[in-house]
N, C-alpha and C. Protein backbone atom coordinates (compact mmCIF):
# COMPACT_ATOMS: atom_id res chain seq x y z
N MET A 1 0.94 -1.17 0.06
CA MET A 1 0.04 0.06 0.00
C MET A 1 0.86 1.19 0.04
N THR A 2 0.55 2.32 -0.76
CA THR A 2 1.16 3.46 -0.85
C THR A 2 0.41 4.64 -0.45
N SER A 3 0.97 5.36 0.47
CA SER A 3 0.37 6.66 0.78
C SER A 3 1.11 7.80 0.44
N PHE A 4 0.30 9.00 0.07
CA PHE A 4 1.11 10.22 -0.56
C PHE A 4 0.93 11.33 0.34
N LEU A 5 2.21 12.09 0.52
CA LEU A 5 2.16 13.14 1.32
C LEU A 5 1.97 14.29 0.59
N PRO A 6 1.42 15.35 1.09
CA PRO A 6 1.33 16.80 0.22
C PRO A 6 2.76 17.30 0.11
N ARG A 7 2.81 18.12 -0.94
CA ARG A 7 4.07 18.84 -1.23
C ARG A 7 4.30 19.94 -0.25
N ILE A 8 5.42 19.99 0.30
CA ILE A 8 5.82 21.16 1.13
C ILE A 8 6.94 21.80 0.73
N TRP A 9 7.83 21.34 -0.14
CA TRP A 9 9.05 21.96 -0.75
C TRP A 9 8.48 22.52 -2.13
N PRO A 10 8.65 23.67 -2.46
CA PRO A 10 8.08 24.15 -3.70
C PRO A 10 8.88 23.65 -4.87
N SER A 11 8.41 23.69 -6.19
CA SER A 11 9.10 23.35 -7.22
C SER A 11 9.74 24.59 -7.88
N PHE A 12 11.11 24.45 -8.24
CA PHE A 12 11.83 25.62 -8.90
C PHE A 12 12.10 25.45 -10.22
N ASP A 13 12.30 26.63 -10.86
CA ASP A 13 12.51 26.68 -12.30
C ASP A 13 14.08 26.45 -12.58
N GLY A 14 14.30 26.04 -13.77
CA GLY A 14 15.81 25.76 -14.14
C GLY A 14 16.49 24.52 -13.76
N LYS A 15 15.51 23.54 -13.70
CA LYS A 15 15.97 22.25 -13.50
C LYS A 15 16.90 21.64 -14.67
N PRO A 16 18.01 21.07 -14.43
CA PRO A 16 18.82 20.41 -15.55
C PRO A 16 18.13 19.25 -15.94
N ILE A 17 17.08 19.42 -16.64
CA ILE A 17 16.30 18.10 -17.25
C ILE A 17 16.98 17.59 -18.43
N PRO A 18 17.25 16.40 -18.55
CA PRO A 18 17.88 15.88 -19.65
C PRO A 18 16.83 15.75 -20.88
N SER A 19 17.39 15.64 -22.06
CA SER A 19 16.53 15.50 -23.25
C SER A 19 15.39 14.46 -22.95
N ARG A 20 14.18 14.62 -23.63
CA ARG A 20 13.08 13.82 -23.41
C ARG A 20 13.46 12.31 -23.95
N GLY A 21 14.15 12.27 -25.23
CA GLY A 21 14.37 10.98 -25.76
C GLY A 21 15.50 10.21 -24.99
N THR A 22 16.52 10.95 -24.57
CA THR A 22 17.57 10.34 -23.68
C THR A 22 16.79 9.86 -22.44
N ALA A 23 16.26 10.58 -21.71
CA ALA A 23 15.64 10.22 -20.32
C ALA A 23 14.69 9.00 -20.53
N GLU A 24 13.98 8.99 -21.60
CA GLU A 24 12.98 7.70 -21.76
C GLU A 24 13.83 6.62 -22.07
N VAL A 25 14.74 6.68 -22.90
CA VAL A 25 15.50 5.31 -22.96
C VAL A 25 16.05 4.69 -21.71
N PHE A 26 16.59 5.64 -20.73
CA PHE A 26 17.19 5.28 -19.46
C PHE A 26 15.91 4.76 -18.65
N ARG A 27 14.68 5.45 -18.60
CA ARG A 27 13.67 5.05 -17.86
C ARG A 27 13.20 3.65 -18.30
N ILE A 28 13.09 3.30 -19.49
CA ILE A 28 12.76 2.02 -19.82
C ILE A 28 13.77 0.95 -19.47
N PHE A 29 15.01 1.27 -19.53
CA PHE A 29 16.08 0.30 -19.04
C PHE A 29 15.90 0.16 -17.58
N ALA A 30 15.66 1.25 -16.76
CA ALA A 30 15.52 1.24 -15.34
C ALA A 30 14.25 0.35 -14.96
N ARG A 31 13.19 0.38 -15.63
CA ARG A 31 11.93 -0.30 -15.44
C ARG A 31 12.14 -1.84 -15.74
N GLU A 32 12.83 -2.09 -16.90
CA GLU A 32 12.98 -3.44 -17.17
C GLU A 32 13.93 -4.10 -16.30
N LEU A 33 14.96 -3.35 -15.79
CA LEU A 33 15.90 -4.10 -14.92
C LEU A 33 15.26 -4.25 -13.49
N ALA A 34 14.44 -3.44 -13.16
CA ALA A 34 13.88 -3.59 -11.73
C ALA A 34 12.94 -4.75 -11.71
N VAL A 35 12.28 -5.10 -12.78
CA VAL A 35 11.19 -6.05 -12.71
C VAL A 35 11.88 -7.35 -13.33
N GLY A 36 13.07 -7.46 -13.64
CA GLY A 36 13.89 -8.58 -14.11
C GLY A 36 13.67 -8.89 -15.57
N ARG A 37 13.16 -8.01 -16.50
CA ARG A 37 13.11 -8.08 -17.96
C ARG A 37 14.38 -7.84 -18.56
N ARG A 38 15.42 -7.34 -17.87
CA ARG A 38 16.65 -6.95 -18.27
C ARG A 38 17.76 -7.42 -17.39
N SER A 39 18.74 -7.94 -17.91
CA SER A 39 19.76 -8.54 -17.14
C SER A 39 20.88 -7.46 -17.04
N TRP A 40 21.57 -7.42 -15.74
CA TRP A 40 22.64 -6.60 -15.57
C TRP A 40 23.96 -7.37 -15.76
N VAL A 41 24.63 -7.11 -16.85
CA VAL A 41 25.86 -8.02 -17.20
C VAL A 41 27.11 -7.24 -16.99
N GLY A 42 28.18 -7.81 -17.07
CA GLY A 42 29.57 -7.21 -16.82
C GLY A 42 29.75 -6.10 -17.80
N GLU A 43 29.42 -6.30 -19.07
CA GLU A 43 29.65 -5.28 -20.18
C GLU A 43 28.98 -4.03 -19.83
N THR A 44 27.74 -4.09 -19.25
CA THR A 44 27.05 -3.07 -18.90
C THR A 44 27.43 -2.23 -17.63
N SER A 45 28.03 -3.12 -16.70
CA SER A 45 28.55 -2.65 -15.58
C SER A 45 29.79 -1.75 -15.82
N HIS A 46 30.62 -2.39 -16.71
CA HIS A 46 32.02 -1.77 -17.15
C HIS A 46 31.64 -0.37 -17.86
N PHE A 47 30.70 -0.37 -18.57
CA PHE A 47 30.41 0.84 -19.49
C PHE A 47 30.00 1.90 -18.53
N ILE A 48 28.96 1.59 -17.59
CA ILE A 48 28.45 2.64 -16.68
C ILE A 48 29.63 3.23 -15.82
N ALA A 49 30.57 2.33 -15.37
CA ALA A 49 31.65 2.82 -14.47
C ALA A 49 32.55 3.85 -15.29
N ASP A 50 32.73 3.23 -16.55
CA ASP A 50 33.62 4.15 -17.36
C ASP A 50 33.08 5.49 -17.68
N GLN A 51 31.69 5.49 -17.87
CA GLN A 51 31.05 6.79 -18.07
C GLN A 51 31.16 7.75 -16.87
N PHE A 52 30.91 7.25 -15.64
CA PHE A 52 30.93 8.13 -14.50
C PHE A 52 32.53 8.43 -14.21
N ASP A 53 33.42 7.59 -14.38
CA ASP A 53 34.80 7.97 -14.22
C ASP A 53 35.32 9.07 -15.11
N GLN A 54 34.68 9.07 -16.40
CA GLN A 54 35.04 10.25 -17.18
C GLN A 54 34.42 11.58 -16.85
N THR A 55 33.33 11.46 -16.24
CA THR A 55 32.64 12.75 -15.81
C THR A 55 32.91 13.25 -14.38
N ALA A 56 33.66 12.52 -13.56
CA ALA A 56 33.65 12.64 -12.27
C ALA A 56 34.27 13.95 -11.81
N ALA A 57 35.44 14.33 -12.45
CA ALA A 57 36.06 15.64 -12.21
C ALA A 57 35.11 16.88 -12.34
N GLU A 58 34.18 16.85 -13.30
CA GLU A 58 33.35 17.98 -13.46
C GLU A 58 31.89 17.81 -12.98
N TRP A 59 31.78 16.59 -12.38
CA TRP A 59 30.41 16.26 -11.97
C TRP A 59 29.61 17.31 -11.10
N ASP A 60 30.43 17.79 -10.06
CA ASP A 60 29.88 18.67 -9.03
C ASP A 60 29.44 20.18 -9.77
N THR A 61 30.23 20.58 -10.64
CA THR A 61 30.06 22.03 -11.23
C THR A 61 29.19 21.90 -12.37
N THR A 62 29.08 20.93 -13.17
CA THR A 62 28.34 20.89 -14.55
C THR A 62 27.32 20.06 -14.60
N LEU A 63 27.31 18.79 -13.98
CA LEU A 63 26.36 17.78 -14.16
C LEU A 63 25.34 17.62 -13.09
N ALA A 64 25.83 17.82 -11.73
CA ALA A 64 24.99 17.49 -10.72
C ALA A 64 23.73 18.54 -10.73
N THR A 65 22.63 17.98 -10.17
CA THR A 65 21.36 18.75 -10.22
C THR A 65 21.40 19.96 -9.33
N GLY A 66 22.33 19.80 -8.26
CA GLY A 66 22.18 20.99 -7.22
C GLY A 66 21.05 21.08 -6.37
N ARG A 67 20.35 20.03 -6.44
CA ARG A 67 18.91 19.79 -5.57
C ARG A 67 19.10 18.97 -4.57
N ASP A 68 18.82 19.47 -3.30
CA ASP A 68 18.79 18.37 -2.24
C ASP A 68 17.49 18.44 -1.50
N GLU A 69 16.33 19.14 -1.99
CA GLU A 69 15.05 19.24 -1.45
C GLU A 69 14.53 17.84 -1.31
N PRO A 70 14.48 16.85 -2.39
CA PRO A 70 13.95 15.61 -2.20
C PRO A 70 14.57 14.86 -1.13
N VAL A 71 15.94 14.96 -0.99
CA VAL A 71 16.55 14.20 0.17
C VAL A 71 16.25 14.75 1.47
N ARG A 72 16.32 16.04 1.69
CA ARG A 72 15.72 16.61 2.97
C ARG A 72 14.32 16.31 3.26
N ASP A 73 13.43 16.30 2.27
CA ASP A 73 12.09 15.96 2.48
C ASP A 73 11.89 14.47 2.95
N ALA A 74 12.66 13.58 2.28
CA ALA A 74 12.56 12.29 2.65
C ALA A 74 13.07 11.91 4.00
N LEU A 75 14.04 12.70 4.44
CA LEU A 75 14.65 12.46 5.84
C LEU A 75 13.74 13.10 6.83
N GLU A 76 13.22 14.20 6.54
CA GLU A 76 12.26 14.94 7.38
C GLU A 76 10.85 14.13 7.69
N ARG A 77 10.34 13.61 6.57
CA ARG A 77 9.04 13.02 6.59
C ARG A 77 8.88 11.64 6.42
N GLY A 78 10.04 10.96 6.00
CA GLY A 78 9.87 9.48 5.53
C GLY A 78 10.04 8.55 6.75
N GLY A 79 10.50 9.02 8.00
CA GLY A 79 10.86 8.28 9.06
C GLY A 79 9.61 7.90 9.75
N PRO A 80 9.57 7.36 11.03
CA PRO A 80 10.94 7.25 11.74
C PRO A 80 11.72 6.12 11.16
N PHE A 81 13.15 6.26 11.04
CA PHE A 81 13.99 5.28 10.51
C PHE A 81 14.55 4.45 11.74
N PRO A 82 14.91 3.30 11.40
CA PRO A 82 15.45 2.46 12.45
C PRO A 82 17.10 2.76 12.69
N ASP A 83 17.50 2.71 13.92
CA ASP A 83 18.87 3.20 14.27
C ASP A 83 19.91 2.09 13.65
N GLY A 84 20.91 2.56 12.95
CA GLY A 84 21.88 1.69 12.44
C GLY A 84 22.60 2.17 11.23
N VAL A 85 23.18 1.34 10.46
CA VAL A 85 24.01 1.67 9.29
C VAL A 85 23.06 2.03 8.01
N CYS A 86 23.43 3.12 7.40
CA CYS A 86 22.72 3.42 6.04
C CYS A 86 23.62 3.17 5.01
N LEU A 87 23.24 2.37 3.91
CA LEU A 87 24.00 2.13 2.78
C LEU A 87 23.53 3.18 1.64
N GLU A 88 24.42 3.96 1.33
CA GLU A 88 24.25 4.87 0.17
C GLU A 88 24.73 4.35 -1.14
N LEU A 89 23.72 3.93 -2.04
CA LEU A 89 24.10 3.29 -3.19
C LEU A 89 24.29 4.40 -4.23
N GLY A 90 25.21 4.35 -5.17
CA GLY A 90 25.28 5.21 -6.23
C GLY A 90 25.73 6.55 -5.67
N SER A 91 26.54 6.51 -4.63
CA SER A 91 26.87 7.79 -3.95
C SER A 91 27.65 8.76 -4.63
N GLY A 92 28.39 8.59 -5.74
CA GLY A 92 28.94 9.55 -6.50
C GLY A 92 29.94 10.28 -5.77
N THR A 93 29.93 11.60 -5.88
CA THR A 93 30.90 12.57 -5.27
C THR A 93 30.65 12.86 -3.76
N GLY A 94 29.56 12.20 -3.28
CA GLY A 94 29.21 12.37 -1.87
C GLY A 94 28.50 13.55 -1.50
N LEU A 95 27.84 14.15 -2.38
CA LEU A 95 27.01 15.39 -2.23
C LEU A 95 25.98 15.29 -1.30
N PHE A 96 25.26 14.16 -1.07
CA PHE A 96 24.23 14.01 -0.18
C PHE A 96 24.76 13.24 1.04
N THR A 97 25.85 12.89 1.24
CA THR A 97 26.31 11.80 2.25
C THR A 97 26.22 12.57 3.61
N GLU A 98 26.52 13.94 3.70
CA GLU A 98 26.52 14.68 4.92
C GLU A 98 25.04 14.68 5.44
N LEU A 99 23.96 14.78 4.59
CA LEU A 99 22.69 15.01 4.84
C LEU A 99 22.32 13.63 5.49
N LEU A 100 22.64 12.48 4.95
CA LEU A 100 22.28 11.16 5.37
C LEU A 100 23.11 10.98 6.76
N ARG A 101 24.17 11.51 6.91
CA ARG A 101 24.86 11.35 8.24
C ARG A 101 24.19 12.12 9.28
N SER A 102 23.36 13.14 8.94
CA SER A 102 22.63 13.96 10.01
C SER A 102 21.59 12.94 10.55
N GLU A 103 21.19 11.90 9.87
CA GLU A 103 19.99 11.04 10.46
C GLU A 103 20.55 9.69 10.87
N PHE A 104 21.53 9.18 10.22
CA PHE A 104 22.08 7.96 10.56
C PHE A 104 23.34 7.89 11.18
N PRO A 105 23.76 7.08 12.19
CA PRO A 105 24.96 7.04 12.91
C PRO A 105 26.16 6.71 12.04
N ARG A 106 26.09 5.93 11.01
CA ARG A 106 27.13 5.61 9.92
C ARG A 106 26.54 5.39 8.65
N VAL A 107 27.34 5.93 7.74
CA VAL A 107 26.92 5.81 6.27
C VAL A 107 27.93 5.14 5.55
N ILE A 108 27.74 4.14 4.75
CA ILE A 108 28.73 3.53 3.94
C ILE A 108 28.27 3.99 2.59
N SER A 109 29.25 4.70 1.90
CA SER A 109 29.00 5.20 0.54
C SER A 109 29.64 4.16 -0.45
N VAL A 110 28.68 3.77 -1.38
CA VAL A 110 29.03 2.74 -2.39
C VAL A 110 28.68 3.24 -3.81
N ASP A 111 29.75 3.09 -4.61
CA ASP A 111 29.55 3.64 -6.01
C ASP A 111 30.34 2.63 -7.02
N LEU A 112 29.96 2.59 -8.28
CA LEU A 112 30.59 1.71 -9.17
C LEU A 112 31.80 2.39 -9.74
N SER A 113 31.80 3.83 -9.69
CA SER A 113 33.03 4.45 -10.16
C SER A 113 34.03 4.95 -9.11
N GLU A 114 35.32 4.39 -9.53
CA GLU A 114 36.46 4.77 -8.52
C GLU A 114 36.70 6.20 -8.44
N GLN A 115 36.50 6.92 -9.70
CA GLN A 115 36.89 8.19 -9.79
C GLN A 115 35.78 9.23 -9.11
N MET A 116 34.57 8.72 -9.01
CA MET A 116 33.53 9.48 -8.28
C MET A 116 33.91 9.33 -6.80
N LEU A 117 34.23 8.07 -6.46
CA LEU A 117 34.68 8.07 -4.98
C LEU A 117 35.77 8.76 -4.61
N ARG A 118 36.77 8.91 -5.50
CA ARG A 118 37.82 9.76 -5.26
C ARG A 118 37.43 11.19 -5.01
N GLN A 119 36.43 11.68 -5.77
CA GLN A 119 35.95 13.17 -5.59
C GLN A 119 35.19 13.19 -4.25
N ALA A 120 34.86 12.09 -3.63
CA ALA A 120 33.98 12.20 -2.46
C ALA A 120 35.00 12.27 -1.17
N VAL A 121 36.24 12.25 -1.31
CA VAL A 121 37.14 12.25 -0.20
C VAL A 121 36.78 13.58 0.63
N GLY A 122 36.61 13.48 1.82
CA GLY A 122 36.39 14.48 2.64
C GLY A 122 34.82 14.73 2.89
N ARG A 123 34.14 13.95 2.17
CA ARG A 123 32.56 14.02 2.35
C ARG A 123 32.28 12.68 2.81
N SER A 124 32.63 11.72 2.36
CA SER A 124 32.18 10.41 2.89
C SER A 124 33.36 9.47 3.57
N PRO A 125 33.25 9.41 4.71
CA PRO A 125 34.44 8.76 5.40
C PRO A 125 34.56 7.38 5.05
N THR A 126 33.45 6.63 4.85
CA THR A 126 33.66 5.22 4.45
C THR A 126 33.10 5.01 3.09
N ARG A 127 33.99 4.77 2.09
CA ARG A 127 33.72 4.62 0.65
C ARG A 127 34.04 3.27 0.20
N VAL A 128 33.13 2.64 -0.62
CA VAL A 128 33.54 1.19 -1.08
C VAL A 128 33.27 1.30 -2.60
N ARG A 129 34.07 0.79 -3.49
CA ARG A 129 33.87 0.69 -4.86
C ARG A 129 33.16 -0.66 -5.01
N ALA A 130 31.91 -0.69 -5.50
CA ALA A 130 31.26 -2.01 -5.57
C ALA A 130 30.11 -1.89 -6.55
N ASP A 131 29.60 -3.02 -7.08
CA ASP A 131 28.42 -3.14 -7.87
C ASP A 131 27.31 -3.25 -7.05
N ALA A 132 26.30 -2.52 -7.19
CA ALA A 132 25.12 -2.65 -6.47
C ALA A 132 24.24 -4.02 -6.65
N ALA A 133 24.64 -4.54 -7.80
CA ALA A 133 24.12 -5.86 -8.12
C ALA A 133 24.62 -7.01 -7.32
N ALA A 134 25.69 -6.82 -6.56
CA ALA A 134 26.50 -7.89 -5.92
C ALA A 134 27.22 -7.16 -4.83
N LEU A 135 26.38 -6.59 -3.82
CA LEU A 135 27.10 -5.86 -2.74
C LEU A 135 28.10 -6.86 -1.80
N PRO A 136 29.11 -6.26 -1.37
CA PRO A 136 30.16 -7.17 -0.51
C PRO A 136 29.65 -6.99 0.93
N LEU A 137 28.45 -7.40 1.24
CA LEU A 137 27.83 -7.47 2.55
C LEU A 137 27.03 -8.58 2.91
N THR A 138 27.18 -8.85 4.33
CA THR A 138 26.41 -10.13 4.60
C THR A 138 24.89 -9.72 4.52
N ASN A 139 23.95 -10.82 4.81
CA ASN A 139 22.62 -10.62 4.78
C ASN A 139 22.21 -9.76 5.95
N ALA A 140 21.04 -9.01 5.79
CA ALA A 140 20.38 -8.28 6.84
C ALA A 140 21.50 -7.54 7.57
N GLN A 141 22.37 -6.68 7.03
CA GLN A 141 23.37 -6.01 7.70
C GLN A 141 23.19 -4.53 7.90
N VAL A 142 22.27 -3.89 7.09
CA VAL A 142 22.01 -2.40 7.26
C VAL A 142 20.54 -2.09 7.47
N SER A 143 20.39 -0.99 8.19
CA SER A 143 19.20 -0.61 8.53
C SER A 143 18.25 0.27 7.58
N ALA A 144 19.11 0.87 6.62
CA ALA A 144 18.60 1.62 5.48
C ALA A 144 19.46 1.69 4.36
N VAL A 145 18.79 1.75 3.14
CA VAL A 145 19.37 1.80 1.89
C VAL A 145 18.99 3.11 1.45
N ALA A 146 19.95 4.03 0.94
CA ALA A 146 19.54 5.19 0.24
C ALA A 146 19.99 5.22 -1.06
N ALA A 147 19.07 5.26 -1.98
CA ALA A 147 19.32 5.26 -3.51
C ALA A 147 18.85 6.43 -4.10
N ILE A 148 19.74 7.29 -4.39
CA ILE A 148 19.45 8.72 -5.01
C ILE A 148 19.87 8.74 -6.52
N ASP A 149 18.73 8.80 -7.29
CA ASP A 149 19.04 8.73 -8.77
C ASP A 149 19.92 7.46 -9.07
N MET A 150 19.34 6.36 -8.88
CA MET A 150 20.01 5.07 -8.82
C MET A 150 19.28 3.93 -9.53
N LEU A 151 19.83 3.06 -10.17
CA LEU A 151 19.06 1.81 -10.53
C LEU A 151 18.63 1.01 -9.48
N LEU A 152 17.51 0.25 -9.70
CA LEU A 152 17.06 -0.52 -8.66
C LEU A 152 17.41 -2.09 -8.84
N PHE A 153 17.97 -2.46 -7.68
CA PHE A 153 18.43 -3.99 -7.81
C PHE A 153 17.63 -4.61 -6.51
N PRO A 154 16.28 -5.01 -6.72
CA PRO A 154 15.50 -5.48 -5.69
C PRO A 154 16.04 -6.48 -4.85
N ALA A 155 16.40 -7.70 -5.41
CA ALA A 155 16.82 -8.89 -4.57
C ALA A 155 17.94 -8.49 -3.74
N GLU A 156 18.91 -7.69 -4.18
CA GLU A 156 20.24 -7.36 -3.40
C GLU A 156 19.98 -6.38 -2.36
N ILE A 157 18.95 -5.41 -2.67
CA ILE A 157 18.46 -4.45 -1.56
C ILE A 157 17.89 -5.25 -0.32
N VAL A 158 16.84 -6.02 -0.74
CA VAL A 158 16.13 -6.89 0.30
C VAL A 158 17.24 -7.76 1.08
N ARG A 159 18.13 -8.20 0.37
CA ARG A 159 19.17 -9.23 1.10
C ARG A 159 19.91 -8.53 2.17
N VAL A 160 20.35 -7.27 1.74
CA VAL A 160 21.32 -6.63 2.88
C VAL A 160 20.52 -5.78 3.89
N LEU A 161 19.28 -5.56 3.72
CA LEU A 161 18.40 -4.83 4.68
C LEU A 161 18.07 -5.77 5.75
N ALA A 162 18.10 -5.14 6.96
CA ALA A 162 17.60 -5.84 8.13
C ALA A 162 16.05 -5.93 7.87
N PRO A 163 15.44 -6.87 8.89
CA PRO A 163 13.82 -7.12 8.73
C PRO A 163 13.11 -5.90 8.80
N ASP A 164 13.51 -4.85 9.62
CA ASP A 164 12.73 -3.66 9.86
C ASP A 164 13.37 -2.56 8.93
N GLY A 165 14.14 -2.79 7.98
CA GLY A 165 14.90 -1.85 7.21
C GLY A 165 14.02 -1.05 6.36
N VAL A 166 14.63 0.07 5.77
CA VAL A 166 14.01 1.09 5.11
C VAL A 166 14.66 1.32 3.80
N LEU A 167 14.01 1.57 2.75
CA LEU A 167 14.63 2.02 1.40
C LEU A 167 14.21 3.37 1.12
N LEU A 168 15.06 4.40 1.02
CA LEU A 168 14.93 5.61 0.58
C LEU A 168 15.29 5.69 -0.91
N TRP A 169 14.04 5.72 -1.74
CA TRP A 169 14.32 5.78 -3.27
C TRP A 169 13.99 7.29 -3.56
N ILE A 170 14.94 7.93 -4.13
CA ILE A 170 14.95 9.33 -4.49
C ILE A 170 15.25 9.60 -5.87
N ASN A 171 14.35 10.31 -6.56
CA ASN A 171 14.68 10.75 -7.95
C ASN A 171 14.55 12.23 -7.89
N GLN A 172 15.75 12.95 -7.95
CA GLN A 172 15.70 14.37 -7.78
C GLN A 172 14.98 15.04 -8.79
N LEU A 173 14.75 14.66 -10.01
CA LEU A 173 13.97 15.28 -10.95
C LEU A 173 12.66 14.85 -11.07
N GLY A 174 12.19 13.85 -10.26
CA GLY A 174 10.88 13.47 -10.22
C GLY A 174 10.58 12.73 -11.71
N GLU A 175 9.41 12.72 -12.27
CA GLU A 175 9.09 12.07 -13.37
C GLU A 175 9.95 12.34 -14.42
N ALA A 176 10.58 13.63 -14.48
CA ALA A 176 11.49 13.92 -15.68
C ALA A 176 12.83 13.33 -15.62
N GLY A 177 13.19 12.72 -14.43
CA GLY A 177 14.52 12.18 -14.18
C GLY A 177 14.69 10.76 -15.01
N PRO A 178 15.86 10.47 -15.49
CA PRO A 178 16.23 9.50 -16.41
C PRO A 178 15.87 8.01 -15.66
N LEU A 179 15.92 7.95 -14.19
CA LEU A 179 16.04 6.60 -13.70
C LEU A 179 14.68 6.66 -12.75
N HIS A 180 13.70 7.64 -13.00
CA HIS A 180 12.56 7.65 -12.23
C HIS A 180 11.73 6.36 -12.36
N LEU A 181 11.40 5.90 -10.99
CA LEU A 181 10.28 4.81 -10.74
C LEU A 181 9.40 5.37 -9.69
N PRO A 182 8.08 5.30 -9.80
CA PRO A 182 7.08 5.62 -8.88
C PRO A 182 7.27 4.75 -7.60
N ALA A 183 6.85 5.20 -6.45
CA ALA A 183 7.08 4.31 -5.27
C ALA A 183 6.23 2.95 -5.27
N THR A 184 5.16 3.14 -6.10
CA THR A 184 4.31 1.92 -6.18
C THR A 184 5.13 0.80 -7.08
N ASP A 185 5.79 1.36 -8.06
CA ASP A 185 6.62 0.36 -8.97
C ASP A 185 7.72 -0.32 -8.03
N VAL A 186 8.44 0.59 -7.42
CA VAL A 186 9.45 0.11 -6.48
C VAL A 186 9.03 -0.90 -5.51
N ALA A 187 7.91 -0.53 -4.77
CA ALA A 187 7.25 -1.55 -3.81
C ALA A 187 6.89 -2.86 -4.37
N ASP A 188 6.44 -2.78 -5.55
CA ASP A 188 5.91 -4.16 -6.29
C ASP A 188 7.09 -4.83 -6.78
N ALA A 189 8.39 -4.28 -7.08
CA ALA A 189 9.49 -4.89 -7.43
C ALA A 189 10.16 -5.54 -6.48
N LEU A 190 10.19 -4.94 -5.17
CA LEU A 190 10.87 -5.63 -4.07
C LEU A 190 10.13 -6.94 -3.72
N PRO A 191 11.08 -7.91 -3.38
CA PRO A 191 10.46 -9.24 -2.82
C PRO A 191 9.87 -8.93 -1.53
N GLY A 192 8.64 -9.54 -1.32
CA GLY A 192 8.02 -9.47 0.03
C GLY A 192 6.93 -8.35 0.04
N ASP A 193 6.44 -8.09 1.17
CA ASP A 193 5.38 -7.08 1.31
C ASP A 193 5.86 -5.77 1.80
N TRP A 194 5.55 -4.66 1.18
CA TRP A 194 6.13 -3.31 1.41
C TRP A 194 5.14 -2.27 1.63
N GLN A 195 5.22 -1.44 2.41
CA GLN A 195 4.40 -0.28 2.59
C GLN A 195 5.35 0.96 2.02
N ALA A 196 4.73 1.70 1.29
CA ALA A 196 5.45 2.88 0.47
C ALA A 196 4.79 4.24 0.94
N VAL A 197 5.65 5.25 1.16
CA VAL A 197 5.18 6.72 1.35
C VAL A 197 5.86 7.49 0.18
N GLU A 198 5.18 8.13 -0.60
CA GLU A 198 5.56 8.98 -1.75
C GLU A 198 5.22 10.49 -1.46
N ALA A 199 6.33 11.27 -1.97
CA ALA A 199 6.05 12.71 -1.98
C ALA A 199 6.91 13.30 -2.89
N ASN A 200 6.48 14.47 -3.33
CA ASN A 200 7.06 15.38 -4.34
C ASN A 200 7.65 16.55 -3.66
N ALA A 201 8.88 16.75 -3.88
CA ALA A 201 9.66 18.07 -3.21
C ALA A 201 10.58 18.70 -4.24
N GLY A 202 10.65 19.97 -4.33
CA GLY A 202 11.53 20.63 -5.11
C GLY A 202 11.19 20.41 -6.61
């Protein structure tokens, strides 16, 4: 079951929205991957890592959305959260790690791109280069998974989450974002029974 919260963070002009055609190609890929109609193979993983390695140095200044309203809103209204480790998937240059650390006692930042993680030095104390499809963690180890503009790997997220764990699924550009999945689709893709809370912010 999904509940919807009223918008409290206004929408702003000037969002760096990608071209409609490009975004739709990525959204189709993201949906098919989430529901198991598309496989995540080594070739795709290497391609994605290479793309982000190449853009890491200029990410913060030219490619990042600069928007943290969705993350702030999720942390303020998405709880209460269980106490424990938060796994930040697709952490990139660590732009949102500090916000997550304000809520969780420990944040482990995980990214496929080595160069993005190098840019996160000073922001993310604990950084791990890993593929979100095969996380180097034991079962039921984390209290929360934060996936900000990230592909959804349902089985792996459920595997590492504690029984009372929470998934923060955040699309900074909402429906215009290239990896957008609504909360209902995310909940349906995750193994087991899930309750979802959805909100728009910024």
